[in-house]
Amino acid sequence: MTRYLRSRPRASQLEPLFATEKGEPMTKAWFATHLHLLCQSCGLPPGCYTSHSFRIGAATTAAITTPVSTLKAMGRWSSAAYECYLCPESQDILEAQKTMTLTSPC
């Protein structure tokens, strides 16, 4: 992110954070098209990478240090729908399973 921001030293606070080469706000369609092209140029299967993957990754990463109220506002979620975007780390799942097996039944 720091590198990206350094590439736009003249951008004002009124401009969109993520802009096209023309300085216009990136649209979902623009991003999806360019992601597809980028995957092709890197030899990656474009069908395995979607713009939605970034929403999931961003929500999961942000959830580590961000309060739920802020996370919901950032994702424009008014309900607990944000929870389906959070992917727990495999280590967290293993720890939860261990805890469940060590807990004695009531």
C-alpha atoms as a PDB file:
ATOM      1  CA  MET A   1       0.000   0.000   0.000  1.00  0.00           C
ATOM      2  CA  THR A   2       2.851   2.326   0.845  1.00  0.00           C
ATOM      3  CA  ARG A   3       4.406   1.718  -2.565  1.00  0.00           C
ATOM      4  CA  TYR A   4       1.067   2.401  -4.257  1.00  0.00           C
ATOM      5  CA  LEU A   5       0.591   5.662  -2.374  1.00  0.00           C
ATOM      6  CA  ARG A   6       4.114   6.752  -3.260  1.00  0.00           C
ATOM      7  CA  SER A   7       3.271   6.206  -6.933  1.00  0.00           C
ATOM      8  CA  ARG A   8       0.561   8.877  -6.591  1.00  0.00           C
ATOM      9  CA  PRO A   9       2.406  11.732  -4.838  1.00  0.00           C
ATOM     10  CA  ARG A  10       0.259  14.441  -6.393  1.00  0.00           C
ATOM     11  CA  ALA A  11      -3.105  12.882  -5.550  1.00  0.00           C
ATOM     12  CA  SER A  12      -5.348  15.032  -3.400  1.00  0.00           C
ATOM     13  CA  GLN A  13      -7.507  13.789  -0.548  1.00  0.00           C
ATOM     14  CA  LEU A  14     -10.559  14.451  -2.703  1.00  0.00           C
ATOM     15  CA  GLU A  15      -9.483  11.944  -5.362  1.00  0.00           C
ATOM     16  CA  PRO A  16     -10.487   8.288  -5.136  1.00  0.00           C
ATOM     17  CA  LEU A  17      -7.959   6.067  -3.381  1.00  0.00           C
ATOM     18  CA  PHE A  18      -7.958   3.507  -6.177  1.00  0.00           C
ATOM     19  CA  ALA A  19      -8.011   5.188  -9.560  1.00  0.00           C
ATOM     20  CA  THR A  20      -7.553   4.100 -13.156  1.00  0.00           C
ATOM     21  CA  GLU A  21      -4.729   5.375 -15.329  1.00  0.00           C
ATOM     22  CA  LYS A  22      -7.042   8.259 -16.272  1.00  0.00           C
ATOM     23  CA  GLY A  23      -7.563   9.210 -12.625  1.00  0.00           C
ATOM     24  CA  GLU A  24     -11.150   7.952 -12.586  1.00  0.00           C
ATOM     25  CA  PRO A  25     -12.485   5.793  -9.735  1.00  0.00           C
ATOM     26  CA  MET A  26     -12.064   2.084 -10.381  1.00  0.00           C
ATOM     27  CA  THR A  27     -15.370   0.377 -10.973  1.00  0.00           C
ATOM     28  CA  LYS A  28     -16.106  -3.227 -10.132  1.00  0.00           C
ATOM     29  CA  ALA A  29     -16.174  -4.054 -13.860  1.00  0.00           C
ATOM     30  CA  TRP A  30     -12.857  -2.262 -14.493  1.00  0.00           C
ATOM     31  CA  PHE A  31     -11.193  -4.108 -11.616  1.00  0.00           C
ATOM     32  CA  ALA A  32     -12.585  -7.517 -12.631  1.00  0.00           C
ATOM     33  CA  THR A  33     -11.447  -7.060 -16.239  1.00  0.00           C
ATOM     34  CA  HIS A  34      -7.949  -5.962 -15.272  1.00  0.00           C
ATOM     35  CA  LEU A  35      -7.606  -8.721 -12.664  1.00  0.00           C
ATOM     36  CA  HIS A  36      -8.532 -11.267 -15.338  1.00  0.00           C
ATOM     37  CA  LEU A  37      -5.939  -9.816 -17.747  1.00  0.00           C
ATOM     38  CA  LEU A  38      -3.283  -9.690 -15.047  1.00  0.00           C
ATOM     39  CA  CYS A  39      -3.865 -13.340 -14.133  1.00  0.00           C
ATOM     40  CA  GLN A  40      -3.560 -14.322 -17.795  1.00  0.00           C
ATOM     41  CA  SER A  41      -0.309 -12.395 -18.207  1.00  0.00           C
ATOM     42  CA  CYS A  42       1.121 -14.091 -15.092  1.00  0.00           C
ATOM     43  CA  GLY A  43       0.064 -17.551 -16.255  1.00  0.00           C
ATOM     44  CA  LEU A  44      -2.483 -17.947 -13.459  1.00  0.00           C
ATOM     45  CA  PRO A  45      -5.934 -19.437 -14.094  1.00  0.00           C
ATOM     46  CA  PRO A  46      -8.191 -16.344 -14.173  1.00  0.00           C
ATOM     47  CA  GLY A  47     -11.209 -18.374 -13.082  1.00  0.00           C
ATOM     48  CA  CYS A  48      -9.586 -19.000  -9.696  1.00  0.00           C
ATOM     49  CA  TYR A  49      -9.253 -15.306  -8.870  1.00  0.00           C
ATOM     50  CA  THR A  50     -12.166 -12.912  -8.669  1.00  0.00           C
ATOM     51  CA  SER A  51     -12.645  -9.394  -7.421  1.00  0.00           C
ATOM     52  CA  HIS A  52     -14.750 -10.888  -4.641  1.00  0.00           C
ATOM     53  CA  SER A  53     -11.641 -12.676  -3.349  1.00  0.00           C
ATOM     54  CA  PHE A  54     -10.258  -9.282  -2.379  1.00  0.00           C
ATOM     55  CA  ARG A  55     -13.350  -8.500  -0.294  1.00  0.00           C
ATOM     56  CA  ILE A  56     -12.937 -11.768   1.581  1.00  0.00           C
ATOM     57  CA  GLY A  57      -9.216 -11.235   2.085  1.00  0.00           C
ATOM     58  CA  ALA A  58      -9.635  -7.638   3.195  1.00  0.00           C
ATOM     59  CA  ALA A  59     -12.382  -8.515   5.679  1.00  0.00           C
ATOM     60  CA  THR A  60     -10.380 -11.397   7.118  1.00  0.00           C
ATOM     61  CA  THR A  61      -7.236  -9.297   7.465  1.00  0.00           C
ATOM     62  CA  ALA A  62      -9.057  -6.304   8.923  1.00  0.00           C
ATOM     63  CA  ALA A  63     -10.921  -8.456  11.440  1.00  0.00           C
ATOM     64  CA  ILE A  64      -7.645  -9.247  13.198  1.00  0.00           C
ATOM     65  CA  THR A  65      -7.250  -5.718  14.560  1.00  0.00           C
ATOM     66  CA  THR A  66     -10.420  -3.827  13.646  1.00  0.00           C
ATOM     67  CA  PRO A  67     -13.483  -3.453  15.882  1.00  0.00           C
ATOM     68  CA  VAL A  68     -16.620  -5.101  14.491  1.00  0.00           C
ATOM     69  CA  SER A  69     -18.424  -1.759  14.176  1.00  0.00           C
ATOM     70  CA  THR A  70     -15.616  -0.377  12.005  1.00  0.00           C
ATOM     71  CA  LEU A  71     -15.377  -3.562   9.954  1.00  0.00           C
ATOM     72  CA  LYS A  72     -19.118  -3.466   9.275  1.00  0.00           C
ATOM     73  CA  ALA A  73     -18.945   0.183   8.235  1.00  0.00           C
ATOM     74  CA  MET A  74     -15.980  -0.428   5.937  1.00  0.00           C
ATOM     75  CA  GLY A  75     -17.787  -3.291   4.192  1.00  0.00           C
ATOM     76  CA  ARG A  76     -21.147  -1.515   4.213  1.00  0.00           C
ATOM     77  CA  TRP A  77     -22.709  -4.358   6.196  1.00  0.00           C
ATOM     78  CA  SER A  78     -25.700  -3.565   8.406  1.00  0.00           C
ATOM     79  CA  SER A  79     -26.115  -7.103   9.723  1.00  0.00           C
ATOM     80  CA  ALA A  80     -23.839  -9.939  10.768  1.00  0.00           C
ATOM     81  CA  ALA A  81     -23.381 -10.820   7.064  1.00  0.00           C
ATOM     82  CA  TYR A  82     -19.738  -9.782   7.388  1.00  0.00           C
ATOM     83  CA  GLU A  83     -19.105 -12.996   9.323  1.00  0.00           C
ATOM     84  CA  CYS A  84     -19.466 -15.136   6.187  1.00  0.00           C
ATOM     85  CA  TYR A  85     -16.544 -13.206   4.669  1.00  0.00           C
ATOM     86  CA  LEU A  86     -14.150 -13.998   7.479  1.00  0.00           C
ATOM     87  CA  CYS A  87     -11.900 -16.975   6.872  1.00  0.00           C
ATOM     88  CA  PRO A  88     -10.344 -18.232  10.081  1.00  0.00           C
ATOM     89  CA  GLU A  89      -6.719 -19.220   9.906  1.00  0.00           C
ATOM     90  CA  SER A  90      -6.177 -22.986   9.878  1.00  0.00           C
ATOM     91  CA  GLN A  91      -4.147 -22.649  13.100  1.00  0.00           C
ATOM     92  CA  ASP A  92      -7.166 -21.025  14.780  1.00  0.00           C
ATOM     93  CA  ILE A  93      -9.366 -23.912  13.688  1.00  0.00           C
ATOM     94  CA  LEU A  94      -6.881 -26.460  15.059  1.00  0.00           C
ATOM     95  CA  GLU A  95      -6.682 -24.609  18.383  1.00  0.00           C
ATOM     96  CA  ALA A  96     -10.476 -24.505  18.629  1.00  0.00           C
ATOM     97  CA  GLN A  97     -10.674 -28.243  17.921  1.00  0.00           C
ATOM     98  CA  LYS A  98      -8.058 -28.950  20.589  1.00  0.00           C
ATOM     99  CA  THR A  99      -9.964 -26.831  23.093  1.00  0.00           C
ATOM    100  CA  MET A 100     -13.201 -28.652  22.323  1.00  0.00           C
ATOM    101  CA  THR A 101     -11.599 -32.073  22.839  1.00  0.00           C
ATOM    102  CA  LEU A 102     -10.055 -31.030  26.164  1.00  0.00           C
ATOM    103  CA  THR A 103     -13.292 -29.647  27.558  1.00  0.00           C
ATOM    104  CA  SER A 104     -15.062 -32.117  29.762  1.00  0.00           C
ATOM    105  CA  PRO A 105     -18.770 -32.689  29.130  1.00  0.00           C
ATOM    106  CA  CYS A 106     -21.216 -31.149  31.608  1.00  0.00           C
END
